Amino acid sequence: MKLRQAFAAYDHGDFNGCWKSFDDYLARMQAAWSALAASGRIASKKPDGFKQLDIALRESRRALEDFETRLTFEERQQVEKVRKQTEELRARVLDALFPPPPAGEKKTRNAERQQLTSRRGEAP
């Protein structure tokens, strides 16, 4: 994993290698998302790959947060950018996995609730 390489590079004082590994990590995660999005699969029905990417992004976010605690203020800002991009990518994956219900479906559910409550004599 490129994040481990970035952390190891930082520990060995190779700051350029660290930042390059972060760039490589983001490129890999974005490429994985692009491949999944281009596959044409509906993530909510066939989540394989999407779930794995979500897990990897979630674990990466935690690792980045832990890593940030070891950094100076200036270095932390660079890692925060990587973490934020990771979070944004994960949000897209979650949106694919758990899409909002169609607008008509929501109205149907509300209409059914109103019918049930009116049959019971309850106020809606």
PDB file of N, CA and C in Angstrom:
ATOM      1  N   MET A   1       0.840  -1.173   0.000  1.00  0.00           N
ATOM      2  CA  MET A   1       0.000   0.000   0.000  1.00  0.00           C
ATOM      3  C   MET A   1       0.893   1.247   0.000  1.00  0.00           C
ATOM      4  N   LYS A   2       0.528   2.208  -0.793  1.00  0.00           N
ATOM      5  CA  LYS A   2       1.325   3.424  -0.931  1.00  0.00           C
ATOM      6  C   LYS A   2       1.352   4.251   0.354  1.00  0.00           C
ATOM      7  N   LEU A   3       0.311   4.166   1.166  1.00  0.00           N
ATOM      8  CA  LEU A   3       0.328   4.928   2.409  1.00  0.00           C
ATOM      9  C   LEU A   3       1.422   4.434   3.340  1.00  0.00           C
ATOM     10  N   ARG A   4       1.578   3.140   3.449  1.00  0.00           N
ATOM     11  CA  ARG A   4       2.647   2.595   4.286  1.00  0.00           C
ATOM     12  C   ARG A   4       4.009   3.054   3.786  1.00  0.00           C
ATOM     13  N   GLN A   5       4.149   3.097   2.461  1.00  0.00           N
ATOM     14  CA  GLN A   5       5.405   3.575   1.888  1.00  0.00           C
ATOM     15  C   GLN A   5       5.620   5.048   2.233  1.00  0.00           C
ATOM     16  N   ALA A   6       4.552   5.833   2.198  1.00  0.00           N
ATOM     17  CA  ALA A   6       4.659   7.254   2.539  1.00  0.00           C
ATOM     18  C   ALA A   6       5.057   7.413   4.001  1.00  0.00           C
ATOM     19  N   PHE A   7       4.440   6.649   4.883  1.00  0.00           N
ATOM     20  CA  PHE A   7       4.754   6.735   6.304  1.00  0.00           C
ATOM     21  C   PHE A   7       6.204   6.318   6.555  1.00  0.00           C
ATOM     22  N   ALA A   8       6.641   5.247   5.895  1.00  0.00           N
ATOM     23  CA  ALA A   8       8.020   4.772   6.064  1.00  0.00           C
ATOM     24  C   ALA A   8       9.015   5.804   5.523  1.00  0.00           C
ATOM     25  N   ALA A   9       8.702   6.396   4.383  1.00  0.00           N
ATOM     26  CA  ALA A   9       9.584   7.417   3.805  1.00  0.00           C
ATOM     27  C   ALA A   9       9.714   8.599   4.767  1.00  0.00           C
ATOM     28  N   TYR A  10       8.606   9.009   5.352  1.00  0.00           N
ATOM     29  CA  TYR A  10       8.642  10.112   6.307  1.00  0.00           C
ATOM     30  C   TYR A  10       9.525   9.751   7.504  1.00  0.00           C
ATOM     31  N   ASP A  11       9.352   8.538   8.022  1.00  0.00           N
ATOM     32  CA  ASP A  11      10.139   8.094   9.179  1.00  0.00           C
ATOM     33  C   ASP A  11      11.634   8.076   8.886  1.00  0.00           C
ATOM     34  N   HIS A  12      11.995   7.849   7.617  1.00  0.00           N
ATOM     35  CA  HIS A  12      13.406   7.810   7.221  1.00  0.00           C
ATOM     36  C   HIS A  12      13.915   9.166   6.720  1.00  0.00           C
ATOM     37  N   GLY A  13      13.083  10.194   6.852  1.00  0.00           N
ATOM     38  CA  GLY A  13      13.502  11.532   6.456  1.00  0.00           C
ATOM     39  C   GLY A  13      13.408  11.818   4.971  1.00  0.00           C
ATOM     40  N   ASP A  14      12.800  10.918   4.206  1.00  0.00           N
ATOM     41  CA  ASP A  14      12.638  11.111   2.758  1.00  0.00           C
ATOM     42  C   ASP A  14      11.295  11.800   2.504  1.00  0.00           C
ATOM     43  N   PHE A  15      11.268  13.108   2.717  1.00  0.00           N
ATOM     44  CA  PHE A  15      10.013  13.841   2.624  1.00  0.00           C
ATOM     45  C   PHE A  15       9.478  13.901   1.196  1.00  0.00           C
ATOM     46  N   ASN A  16      10.375  14.040   0.217  1.00  0.00           N
ATOM     47  CA  ASN A  16       9.925  14.039  -1.183  1.00  0.00           C
ATOM     48  C   ASN A  16       9.299  12.698  -1.543  1.00  0.00           C
ATOM     49  N   GLY A  17       9.907  11.621  -1.087  1.00  0.00           N
ATOM     50  CA  GLY A  17       9.346  10.286  -1.322  1.00  0.00           C
ATOM     51  C   GLY A  17       8.006  10.110  -0.637  1.00  0.00           C
ATOM     52  N   CYS A  18       7.874  10.704   0.534  1.00  0.00           N
ATOM     53  CA  CYS A  18       6.609  10.647   1.279  1.00  0.00           C
ATOM     54  C   CYS A  18       5.489  11.311   0.482  1.00  0.00           C
ATOM     55  N   TRP A  19       5.734  12.545   0.032  1.00  0.00           N
ATOM     56  CA  TRP A  19       4.679  13.272  -0.690  1.00  0.00           C
ATOM     57  C   TRP A  19       4.382  12.606  -2.032  1.00  0.00           C
ATOM     58  N   LYS A  20       5.404  12.040  -2.677  1.00  0.00           N
ATOM     59  CA  LYS A  20       5.179  11.331  -3.947  1.00  0.00           C
ATOM     60  C   LYS A  20       4.327  10.087  -3.714  1.00  0.00           C
ATOM     61  N   SER A  21       4.574   9.392  -2.621  1.00  0.00           N
ATOM     62  CA  SER A  21       3.771   8.203  -2.302  1.00  0.00           C
ATOM     63  C   SER A  21       2.315   8.582  -2.039  1.00  0.00           C
ATOM     64  N   PHE A  22       2.099   9.738  -1.409  1.00  0.00           N
ATOM     65  CA  PHE A  22       0.720  10.201  -1.220  1.00  0.00           C
ATOM     66  C   PHE A  22       0.051  10.461  -2.562  1.00  0.00           C
ATOM     67  N   ASP A  23       0.770  11.093  -3.477  1.00  0.00           N
ATOM     68  CA  ASP A  23       0.222  11.340  -4.819  1.00  0.00           C
ATOM     69  C   ASP A  23      -0.097  10.027  -5.523  1.00  0.00           C
ATOM     70  N   ASP A  24       0.806   9.056  -5.416  1.00  0.00           N
ATOM     71  CA  ASP A  24       0.582   7.743  -6.028  1.00  0.00           C
ATOM     72  C   ASP A  24      -0.633   7.057  -5.410  1.00  0.00           C
ATOM     73  N   TYR A  25      -0.766   7.169  -4.102  1.00  0.00           N
ATOM     74  CA  TYR A  25      -1.911   6.579  -3.406  1.00  0.00           C
ATOM     75  C   TYR A  25      -3.217   7.162  -3.936  1.00  0.00           C
ATOM     76  N   LEU A  26      -3.284   8.493  -4.009  1.00  0.00           N
ATOM     77  CA  LEU A  26      -4.510   9.130  -4.509  1.00  0.00           C
ATOM     78  C   LEU A  26      -4.798   8.721  -5.947  1.00  0.00           C
ATOM     79  N   ALA A  27      -3.768   8.641  -6.759  1.00  0.00           N
ATOM     80  CA  ALA A  27      -3.957   8.240  -8.156  1.00  0.00           C
ATOM     81  C   ALA A  27      -4.521   6.820  -8.233  1.00  0.00           C
ATOM     82  N   ARG A  28      -4.031   5.932  -7.389  1.00  0.00           N
ATOM     83  CA  ARG A  28      -4.531   4.547  -7.394  1.00  0.00           C
ATOM     84  C   ARG A  28      -5.982   4.467  -6.940  1.00  0.00           C
ATOM     85  N   MET A  29      -6.309   5.191  -5.895  1.00  0.00           N
ATOM     86  CA  MET A  29      -7.684   5.165  -5.389  1.00  0.00           C
ATOM     87  C   MET A  29      -8.645   5.764  -6.422  1.00  0.00           C
ATOM     88  N   GLN A  30      -8.234   6.861  -7.054  1.00  0.00           N
ATOM     89  CA  GLN A  30      -9.082   7.474  -8.069  1.00  0.00           C
ATOM     90  C   GLN A  30      -9.215   6.577  -9.292  1.00  0.00           C
ATOM     91  N   ALA A  31      -8.146   5.863  -9.641  1.00  0.00           N
ATOM     92  CA  ALA A  31      -8.210   4.930 -10.770  1.00  0.00           C
ATOM     93  C   ALA A  31      -9.149   3.770 -10.439  1.00  0.00           C
ATOM     94  N   ALA A  32      -9.110   3.304  -9.201  1.00  0.00           N
ATOM     95  CA  ALA A  32     -10.007   2.218  -8.785  1.00  0.00           C
ATOM     96  C   ALA A  32     -11.457   2.692  -8.870  1.00  0.00           C
ATOM     97  N   TRP A  33     -11.730   3.897  -8.400  1.00  0.00           N
ATOM     98  CA  TRP A  33     -13.077   4.441  -8.477  1.00  0.00           C
ATOM     99  C   TRP A  33     -13.513   4.609  -9.935  1.00  0.00           C
ATOM    100  N   SER A  34     -12.639   5.139 -10.763  1.00  0.00           N
ATOM    101  CA  SER A  34     -12.972   5.343 -12.172  1.00  0.00           C
ATOM    102  C   SER A  34     -13.302   4.022 -12.854  1.00  0.00           C
ATOM    103  N   ALA A  35     -12.522   2.991 -12.551  1.00  0.00           N
ATOM    104  CA  ALA A  35     -12.777   1.670 -13.152  1.00  0.00           C
ATOM    105  C   ALA A  35     -14.118   1.124 -12.695  1.00  0.00           C
ATOM    106  N   LEU A  36     -14.424   1.270 -11.419  1.00  0.00           N
ATOM    107  CA  LEU A  36     -15.712   0.778 -10.917  1.00  0.00           C
ATOM    108  C   LEU A  36     -16.873   1.573 -11.510  1.00  0.00           C
ATOM    109  N   ALA A  37     -16.724   2.883 -11.563  1.00  0.00           N
ATOM    110  CA  ALA A  37     -17.792   3.724 -12.108  1.00  0.00           C
ATOM    111  C   ALA A  37     -18.011   3.440 -13.587  1.00  0.00           C
ATOM    112  N   ALA A  38     -16.934   3.162 -14.312  1.00  0.00           N
ATOM    113  CA  ALA A  38     -17.040   2.892 -15.750  1.00  0.00           C
ATOM    114  C   ALA A  38     -17.518   1.480 -16.040  1.00  0.00           C
ATOM    115  N   SER A  39     -17.555   0.626 -15.034  1.00  0.00           N
ATOM    116  CA  SER A  39     -17.950  -0.775 -15.255  1.00  0.00           C
ATOM    117  C   SER A  39     -19.420  -0.899 -15.636  1.00  0.00           C
ATOM    118  N   GLY A  40     -20.206   0.120 -15.296  1.00  0.00           N
ATOM    119  CA  GLY A  40     -21.629   0.070 -15.621  1.00  0.00           C
ATOM    120  C   GLY A  40     -22.450  -0.717 -14.605  1.00  0.00           C
ATOM    121  N   ARG A  41     -21.798  -1.274 -13.610  1.00  0.00           N
ATOM    122  CA  ARG A  41     -22.533  -2.035 -12.590  1.00  0.00           C
ATOM    123  C   ARG A  41     -23.249  -1.080 -11.649  1.00  0.00           C
ATOM    124  N   ILE A  42     -24.351  -1.536 -11.129  1.00  0.00           N
ATOM    125  CA  ILE A  42     -25.097  -0.771 -10.137  1.00  0.00           C
ATOM    126  C   ILE A  42     -24.581  -1.219  -8.775  1.00  0.00           C
ATOM    127  N   ALA A  43     -23.904  -0.318  -8.103  1.00  0.00           N
ATOM    128  CA  ALA A  43     -23.216  -0.660  -6.859  1.00  0.00           C
ATOM    129  C   ALA A  43     -24.157  -1.193  -5.793  1.00  0.00           C
ATOM    130  N   SER A  44     -25.366  -0.680  -5.738  1.00  0.00           N
ATOM    131  CA  SER A  44     -26.305  -1.120  -4.703  1.00  0.00           C
ATOM    132  C   SER A  44     -26.797  -2.546  -4.948  1.00  0.00           C
ATOM    133  N   LYS A  45     -26.692  -3.019  -6.187  1.00  0.00           N
ATOM    134  CA  LYS A  45     -27.128  -4.381  -6.505  1.00  0.00           C
ATOM    135  C   LYS A  45     -25.970  -5.364  -6.586  1.00  0.00           C
ATOM    136  N   LYS A  46     -24.821  -4.894  -7.051  1.00  0.00           N
ATOM    137  CA  LYS A  46     -23.615  -5.727  -7.147  1.00  0.00           C
ATOM    138  C   LYS A  46     -22.462  -4.951  -6.511  1.00  0.00           C
ATOM    139  N   PRO A  47     -22.375  -5.005  -5.172  1.00  0.00           N
ATOM    140  CA  PRO A  47     -21.430  -4.143  -4.466  1.00  0.00           C
ATOM    141  C   PRO A  47     -19.971  -4.603  -4.469  1.00  0.00           C
ATOM    142  N   ASP A  48     -19.681  -5.792  -5.002  1.00  0.00           N
ATOM    143  CA  ASP A  48     -18.286  -6.251  -5.000  1.00  0.00           C
ATOM    144  C   ASP A  48     -17.396  -5.215  -5.673  1.00  0.00           C
ATOM    145  N   GLY A  49     -16.300  -4.953  -5.054  1.00  0.00           N
ATOM    146  CA  GLY A  49     -15.384  -3.935  -5.556  1.00  0.00           C
ATOM    147  C   GLY A  49     -15.681  -2.590  -4.915  1.00  0.00           C
ATOM    148  N   PHE A  50     -16.933  -2.174  -4.949  1.00  0.00           N
ATOM    149  CA  PHE A  50     -17.324  -0.915  -4.330  1.00  0.00           C
ATOM    150  C   PHE A  50     -17.139  -0.997  -2.812  1.00  0.00           C
ATOM    151  N   LYS A  51     -17.577  -2.103  -2.223  1.00  0.00           N
ATOM    152  CA  LYS A  51     -17.429  -2.272  -0.778  1.00  0.00           C
ATOM    153  C   LYS A  51     -15.959  -2.336  -0.383  1.00  0.00           C
ATOM    154  N   GLN A  52     -15.157  -3.034  -1.182  1.00  0.00           N
ATOM    155  CA  GLN A  52     -13.734  -3.135  -0.877  1.00  0.00           C
ATOM    156  C   GLN A  52     -13.060  -1.769  -0.949  1.00  0.00           C
ATOM    157  N   LEU A  53     -13.446  -0.976  -1.944  1.00  0.00           N
ATOM    158  CA  LEU A  53     -12.887   0.366  -2.059  1.00  0.00           C
ATOM    159  C   LEU A  53     -13.326   1.217  -0.875  1.00  0.00           C
ATOM    160  N   ASP A  54     -14.568   1.106  -0.472  1.00  0.00           N
ATOM    161  CA  ASP A  54     -15.058   1.841   0.690  1.00  0.00           C
ATOM    162  C   ASP A  54     -14.254   1.475   1.931  1.00  0.00           C
ATOM    163  N   ILE A  55     -14.034   0.199   2.146  1.00  0.00           N
ATOM    164  CA  ILE A  55     -13.270  -0.254   3.314  1.00  0.00           C
ATOM    165  C   ILE A  55     -11.841   0.295   3.258  1.00  0.00           C
ATOM    166  N   ALA A  56     -11.219   0.206   2.101  1.00  0.00           N
ATOM    167  CA  ALA A  56      -9.847   0.696   1.954  1.00  0.00           C
ATOM    168  C   ALA A  56      -9.768   2.199   2.218  1.00  0.00           C
ATOM    169  N   LEU A  57     -10.731   2.949   1.714  1.00  0.00           N
ATOM    170  CA  LEU A  57     -10.733   4.396   1.918  1.00  0.00           C
ATOM    171  C   LEU A  57     -10.983   4.748   3.382  1.00  0.00           C
ATOM    172  N   ARG A  58     -11.881   3.999   4.023  1.00  0.00           N
ATOM    173  CA  ARG A  58     -12.159   4.249   5.440  1.00  0.00           C
ATOM    174  C   ARG A  58     -10.920   3.968   6.294  1.00  0.00           C
ATOM    175  N   GLU A  59     -10.255   2.849   6.035  1.00  0.00           N
ATOM    176  CA  GLU A  59      -9.047   2.508   6.781  1.00  0.00           C
ATOM    177  C   GLU A  59      -7.930   3.509   6.494  1.00  0.00           C
ATOM    178  N   SER A  60      -7.849   3.968   5.264  1.00  0.00           N
ATOM    179  CA  SER A  60      -6.832   4.961   4.901  1.00  0.00           C
ATOM    180  C   SER A  60      -7.062   6.268   5.632  1.00  0.00           C
ATOM    181  N   ARG A  61      -8.330   6.665   5.725  1.00  0.00           N
ATOM    182  CA  ARG A  61      -8.646   7.905   6.432  1.00  0.00           C
ATOM    183  C   ARG A  61      -8.182   7.824   7.883  1.00  0.00           C
ATOM    184  N   ARG A  62      -8.433   6.697   8.523  1.00  0.00           N
ATOM    185  CA  ARG A  62      -7.994   6.523   9.912  1.00  0.00           C
ATOM    186  C   ARG A  62      -6.470   6.581  10.022  1.00  0.00           C
ATOM    187  N   ALA A  63      -5.790   5.911   9.102  1.00  0.00           N
ATOM    188  CA  ALA A  63      -4.321   5.907   9.118  1.00  0.00           C
ATOM    189  C   ALA A  63      -3.774   7.316   8.906  1.00  0.00           C
ATOM    190  N   LEU A  64      -4.399   8.070   8.014  1.00  0.00           N
ATOM    191  CA  LEU A  64      -3.963   9.446   7.770  1.00  0.00           C
ATOM    192  C   LEU A  64      -4.188  10.322   8.999  1.00  0.00           C
ATOM    193  N   GLU A  65      -5.317  10.133   9.672  1.00  0.00           N
ATOM    194  CA  GLU A  65      -5.583  10.901  10.885  1.00  0.00           C
ATOM    195  C   GLU A  65      -4.536  10.593  11.953  1.00  0.00           C
ATOM    196  N   ASP A  66      -4.189   9.327  12.109  1.00  0.00           N
ATOM    197  CA  ASP A  66      -3.157   8.942  13.075  1.00  0.00           C
ATOM    198  C   ASP A  66      -1.808   9.547  12.687  1.00  0.00           C
ATOM    199  N   PHE A  67      -1.501   9.510  11.399  1.00  0.00           N
ATOM    200  CA  PHE A  67      -0.228  10.035  10.916  1.00  0.00           C
ATOM    201  C   PHE A  67      -0.131  11.540  11.147  1.00  0.00           C
ATOM    202  N   GLU A  68      -1.235  12.253  10.975  1.00  0.00           N
ATOM    203  CA  GLU A  68      -1.252  13.708  11.149  1.00  0.00           C
ATOM    204  C   GLU A  68      -0.798  14.121  12.541  1.00  0.00           C
ATOM    205  N   THR A  69      -1.046  13.291  13.532  1.00  0.00           N
ATOM    206  CA  THR A  69      -0.684  13.657  14.901  1.00  0.00           C
ATOM    207  C   THR A  69       0.833  13.726  15.092  1.00  0.00           C
ATOM    208  N   ARG A  70       1.592  13.125  14.202  1.00  0.00           N
ATOM    209  CA  ARG A  70       3.053  13.103  14.302  1.00  0.00           C
ATOM    210  C   ARG A  70       3.713  14.252  13.546  1.00  0.00           C
ATOM    211  N   LEU A  71       2.943  15.071  12.881  1.00  0.00           N
ATOM    212  CA  LEU A  71       3.490  16.048  11.955  1.00  0.00           C
ATOM    213  C   LEU A  71       3.506  17.462  12.519  1.00  0.00           C
ATOM    214  N   THR A  72       4.351  18.284  11.907  1.00  0.00           N
ATOM    215  CA  THR A  72       4.339  19.707  12.216  1.00  0.00           C
ATOM    216  C   THR A  72       3.108  20.332  11.571  1.00  0.00           C
ATOM    217  N   PHE A  73       2.819  21.565  11.935  1.00  0.00           N
ATOM    218  CA  PHE A  73       1.645  22.237  11.396  1.00  0.00           C
ATOM    219  C   PHE A  73       1.678  22.306   9.872  1.00  0.00           C
ATOM    220  N   GLU A  74       2.827  22.679   9.295  1.00  0.00           N
ATOM    221  CA  GLU A  74       2.942  22.821   7.842  1.00  0.00           C
ATOM    222  C   GLU A  74       2.764  21.470   7.141  1.00  0.00           C
ATOM    223  N   GLU A  75       3.386  20.450   7.715  1.00  0.00           N
ATOM    224  CA  GLU A  75       3.273  19.114   7.114  1.00  0.00           C
ATOM    225  C   GLU A  75       1.852  18.596   7.229  1.00  0.00           C
ATOM    226  N   ARG A  76       1.207  18.914   8.342  1.00  0.00           N
ATOM    227  CA  ARG A  76      -0.165  18.441   8.575  1.00  0.00           C
ATOM    228  C   ARG A  76      -1.107  18.975   7.503  1.00  0.00           C
ATOM    229  N   GLN A  77      -0.891  20.212   7.063  1.00  0.00           N
ATOM    230  CA  GLN A  77      -1.761  20.788   6.037  1.00  0.00           C
ATOM    231  C   GLN A  77      -1.690  19.983   4.746  1.00  0.00           C
ATOM    232  N   GLN A  78      -0.514  19.514   4.390  1.00  0.00           N
ATOM    233  CA  GLN A  78      -0.376  18.716   3.161  1.00  0.00           C
ATOM    234  C   GLN A  78      -1.112  17.382   3.302  1.00  0.00           C
ATOM    235  N   VAL A  79      -1.003  16.768   4.464  1.00  0.00           N
ATOM    236  CA  VAL A  79      -1.660  15.480   4.680  1.00  0.00           C
ATOM    237  C   VAL A  79      -3.170  15.661   4.790  1.00  0.00           C
ATOM    238  N   GLU A  80      -3.611  16.790   5.335  1.00  0.00           N
ATOM    239  CA  GLU A  80      -5.047  17.071   5.412  1.00  0.00           C
ATOM    240  C   GLU A  80      -5.669  17.106   4.023  1.00  0.00           C
ATOM    241  N   LYS A  81      -4.945  17.644   3.057  1.00  0.00           N
ATOM    242  CA  LYS A  81      -5.453  17.673   1.675  1.00  0.00           C
ATOM    243  C   LYS A  81      -5.669  16.254   1.157  1.00  0.00           C
ATOM    244  N   VAL A  82      -4.729  15.376   1.438  1.00  0.00           N
ATOM    245  CA  VAL A  82      -4.853  13.977   1.007  1.00  0.00           C
ATOM    246  C   VAL A  82      -6.046  13.336   1.708  1.00  0.00           C
ATOM    247  N   ARG A  83      -6.173  13.586   3.016  1.00  0.00           N
ATOM    248  CA  ARG A  83      -7.279  13.005   3.778  1.00  0.00           C
ATOM    249  C   ARG A  83      -8.616  13.520   3.263  1.00  0.00           C
ATOM    250  N   LYS A  84      -8.710  14.799   2.969  1.00  0.00           N
ATOM    251  CA  LYS A  84      -9.962  15.360   2.462  1.00  0.00           C
ATOM    252  C   LYS A  84     -10.322  14.770   1.103  1.00  0.00           C
ATOM    253  N   GLN A  85      -9.334  14.592   0.235  1.00  0.00           N
ATOM    254  CA  GLN A  85      -9.613  13.977  -1.071  1.00  0.00           C
ATOM    255  C   GLN A  85     -10.053  12.527  -0.888  1.00  0.00           C
ATOM    256  N   THR A  86      -9.471  11.854   0.087  1.00  0.00           N
ATOM    257  CA  THR A  86      -9.874  10.481   0.391  1.00  0.00           C
ATOM    258  C   THR A  86     -11.324  10.456   0.868  1.00  0.00           C
ATOM    259  N   GLU A  87     -11.692  11.395   1.736  1.00  0.00           N
ATOM    260  CA  GLU A  87     -13.064  11.471   2.235  1.00  0.00           C
ATOM    261  C   GLU A  87     -14.057  11.791   1.118  1.00  0.00           C
ATOM    262  N   GLU A  88     -13.672  12.691   0.210  1.00  0.00           N
ATOM    263  CA  GLU A  88     -14.554  13.038  -0.907  1.00  0.00           C
ATOM    264  C   GLU A  88     -14.774  11.831  -1.819  1.00  0.00           C
ATOM    265  N   LEU A  89     -13.708  11.092  -2.057  1.00  0.00           N
ATOM    266  CA  LEU A  89     -13.826   9.899  -2.891  1.00  0.00           C
ATOM    267  C   LEU A  89     -14.703   8.860  -2.206  1.00  0.00           C
ATOM    268  N   ARG A  90     -14.532   8.705  -0.910  1.00  0.00           N
ATOM    269  CA  ARG A  90     -15.359   7.744  -0.170  1.00  0.00           C
ATOM    270  C   ARG A  90     -16.827   8.167  -0.210  1.00  0.00           C
ATOM    271  N   ALA A  91     -17.101   9.450  -0.143  1.00  0.00           N
ATOM    272  CA  ALA A  91     -18.485   9.935  -0.228  1.00  0.00           C
ATOM    273  C   ALA A  91     -19.110   9.535  -1.558  1.00  0.00           C
ATOM    274  N   ARG A  92     -18.339   9.602  -2.641  1.00  0.00           N
ATOM    275  CA  ARG A  92     -18.858   9.180  -3.952  1.00  0.00           C
ATOM    276  C   ARG A  92     -19.146   7.683  -3.968  1.00  0.00           C
ATOM    277  N   VAL A  93     -18.258   6.915  -3.354  1.00  0.00           N
ATOM    278  CA  VAL A  93     -18.462   5.462  -3.295  1.00  0.00           C
ATOM    279  C   VAL A  93     -19.717   5.145  -2.484  1.00  0.00           C
ATOM    280  N   LEU A  94     -19.884   5.807  -1.347  1.00  0.00           N
ATOM    281  CA  LEU A  94     -21.073   5.573  -0.522  1.00  0.00           C
ATOM    282  C   LEU A  94     -22.351   5.996  -1.239  1.00  0.00           C
ATOM    283  N   ASP A  95     -22.280   7.086  -1.998  1.00  0.00           N
ATOM    284  CA  ASP A  95     -23.447   7.503  -2.780  1.00  0.00           C
ATOM    285  C   ASP A  95     -23.822   6.442  -3.806  1.00  0.00           C
ATOM    286  N   ALA A  96     -22.827   5.795  -4.375  1.00  0.00           N
ATOM    287  CA  ALA A  96     -23.104   4.724  -5.346  1.00  0.00           C
ATOM    288  C   ALA A  96     -23.677   3.495  -4.648  1.00  0.00           C
ATOM    289  N   LEU A  97     -23.153   3.179  -3.472  1.00  0.00           N
ATOM    290  CA  LEU A  97     -23.630   2.006  -2.740  1.00  0.00           C
ATOM    291  C   LEU A  97     -25.027   2.207  -2.162  1.00  0.00           C
ATOM    292  N   PHE A  98     -25.307   3.419  -1.712  1.00  0.00           N
ATOM    293  CA  PHE A  98     -26.578   3.710  -1.052  1.00  0.00           C
ATOM    294  C   PHE A  98     -27.240   4.923  -1.694  1.00  0.00           C
ATOM    295  N   PRO A  99     -27.752   4.742  -2.907  1.00  0.00           N
ATOM    296  CA  PRO A  99     -28.377   5.886  -3.592  1.00  0.00           C
ATOM    297  C   PRO A  99     -29.687   6.266  -2.898  1.00  0.00           C
ATOM    298  N   PRO A 100     -30.062   7.539  -2.987  1.00  0.00           N
ATOM    299  CA  PRO A 100     -31.337   7.948  -2.396  1.00  0.00           C
ATOM    300  C   PRO A 100     -32.487   7.305  -3.165  1.00  0.00           C
ATOM    301  N   PRO A 101     -33.612   7.071  -2.497  1.00  0.00           N
ATOM    302  CA  PRO A 101     -34.746   6.482  -3.214  1.00  0.00           C
ATOM    303  C   PRO A 101     -35.262   7.444  -4.275  1.00  0.00           C
ATOM    304  N   PRO A 102     -35.828   6.903  -5.333  1.00  0.00           N
ATOM    305  CA  PRO A 102     -36.405   7.784  -6.356  1.00  0.00           C
ATOM    306  C   PRO A 102     -37.451   8.701  -5.733  1.00  0.00           C
ATOM    307  N   ALA A 103     -37.614   9.876  -6.290  1.00  0.00           N
ATOM    308  CA  ALA A 103     -38.527  10.876  -5.721  1.00  0.00           C
ATOM    309  C   ALA A 103     -39.953  10.345  -5.598  1.00  0.00           C
ATOM    310  N   GLY A 104     -40.429   9.611  -6.580  1.00  0.00           N
ATOM    311  CA  GLY A 104     -41.785   9.066  -6.545  1.00  0.00           C
ATOM    312  C   GLY A 104     -41.960   8.043  -5.443  1.00  0.00           C
ATOM    313  N   GLU A 105     -40.929   7.296  -5.141  1.00  0.00           N
ATOM    314  CA  GLU A 105     -41.011   6.264  -4.106  1.00  0.00           C
ATOM    315  C   GLU A 105     -41.220   6.893  -2.735  1.00  0.00           C
ATOM    316  N   LYS A 106     -40.576   8.003  -2.489  1.00  0.00           N
ATOM    317  CA  LYS A 106     -40.705   8.667  -1.204  1.00  0.00           C
ATOM    318  C   LYS A 106     -42.141   9.151  -1.002  1.00  0.00           C
ATOM    319  N   LYS A 107     -42.721   9.707  -2.049  1.00  0.00           N
ATOM    320  CA  LYS A 107     -44.098  10.176  -1.955  1.00  0.00           C
ATOM    321  C   LYS A 107     -45.041   9.010  -1.719  1.00  0.00           C
ATOM    322  N   THR A 108     -44.774   7.888  -2.343  1.00  0.00           N
ATOM    323  CA  THR A 108     -45.622   6.709  -2.177  1.00  0.00           C
ATOM    324  C   THR A 108     -45.586   6.254  -0.729  1.00  0.00           C
ATOM    325  N   ARG A 109     -44.419   6.220  -0.132  1.00  0.00           N
ATOM    326  CA  ARG A 109     -44.317   5.801   1.270  1.00  0.00           C
ATOM    327  C   ARG A 109     -45.084   6.753   2.182  1.00  0.00           C
ATOM    328  N   ASN A 110     -44.972   8.050   1.932  1.00  0.00           N
ATOM    329  CA  ASN A 110     -45.704   9.019   2.748  1.00  0.00           C
ATOM    330  C   ASN A 110     -47.207   8.849   2.559  1.00  0.00           C
ATOM    331  N   ALA A 111     -47.633   8.618   1.339  1.00  0.00           N
ATOM    332  CA  ALA A 111     -49.057   8.425   1.073  1.00  0.00           C
ATOM    333  C   ALA A 111     -49.564   7.177   1.794  1.00  0.00           C
ATOM    334  N   GLU A 112     -48.767   6.099   1.787  1.00  0.00           N
ATOM    335  CA  GLU A 112     -49.159   4.870   2.491  1.00  0.00           C
ATOM    336  C   GLU A 112     -49.273   5.118   3.988  1.00  0.00           C
ATOM    337  N   ARG A 113     -48.352   5.875   4.547  1.00  0.00           N
ATOM    338  CA  ARG A 113     -48.410   6.193   5.979  1.00  0.00           C
ATOM    339  C   ARG A 113     -49.671   6.976   6.313  1.00  0.00           C
ATOM    340  N   GLN A 114     -49.987   7.950   5.467  1.00  0.00           N
ATOM    341  CA  GLN A 114     -51.181   8.752   5.716  1.00  0.00           C
ATOM    342  C   GLN A 114     -52.436   7.890   5.650  1.00  0.00           C
ATOM    343  N   GLN A 115     -52.490   6.967   4.709  1.00  0.00           N
ATOM    344  CA  GLN A 115     -53.647   6.072   4.606  1.00  0.00           C
ATOM    345  C   GLN A 115     -53.766   5.214   5.848  1.00  0.00           C
ATOM    346  N   LEU A 116     -52.664   4.675   6.315  1.00  0.00           N
ATOM    347  CA  LEU A 116     -52.687   3.825   7.507  1.00  0.00           C
ATOM    348  C   LEU A 116     -53.129   4.611   8.744  1.00  0.00           C
ATOM    349  N   THR A 117     -52.599   5.807   8.889  1.00  0.00           N
ATOM    350  CA  THR A 117     -52.969   6.597  10.067  1.00  0.00           C
ATOM    351  C   THR A 117     -54.429   7.057   9.989  1.00  0.00           C
ATOM    352  N   SER A 118     -54.923   7.351   8.787  1.00  0.00           N
ATOM    353  CA  SER A 118     -56.327   7.773   8.667  1.00  0.00           C
ATOM    354  C   SER A 118     -57.263   6.597   8.926  1.00  0.00           C
ATOM    355  N   ARG A 119     -56.860   5.372   8.574  1.00  0.00           N
ATOM    356  CA  ARG A 119     -57.677   4.186   8.844  1.00  0.00           C
ATOM    357  C   ARG A 119     -57.767   3.928  10.344  1.00  0.00           C
ATOM    358  N   ARG A 120     -56.671   4.240  11.060  1.00  0.00           N
ATOM    359  CA  ARG A 120     -56.636   4.019  12.494  1.00  0.00           C
ATOM    360  C   ARG A 120     -57.325   5.141  13.250  1.00  0.00           C
ATOM    361  N   GLY A 121     -57.617   6.220  12.566  1.00  0.00           N
ATOM    362  CA  GLY A 121     -58.245   7.359  13.208  1.00  0.00           C
ATOM    363  C   GLY A 121     -57.241   8.271  13.888  1.00  0.00           C
ATOM    364  N   GLU A 122     -55.967   8.105  13.534  1.00  0.00           N
ATOM    365  CA  GLU A 122     -54.914   8.945  14.103  1.00  0.00           C
ATOM    366  C   GLU A 122     -54.725  10.176  13.249  1.00  0.00           C
ATOM    367  N   ALA A 123     -54.174  11.201  13.859  1.00  0.00           N
ATOM    368  CA  ALA A 123     -53.831  12.400  13.097  1.00  0.00           C
ATOM    369  C   ALA A 123     -52.536  12.144  12.345  1.00  0.00           C
ATOM    370  N   PRO A 124     -52.424  12.608  11.081  1.00  0.00           N
ATOM    371  CA  PRO A 124     -51.193  12.365  10.297  1.00  0.00           C
ATOM    372  C   PRO A 124     -49.993  13.051  10.804  1.00  0.00           C
TER     373      PRO A 124
END
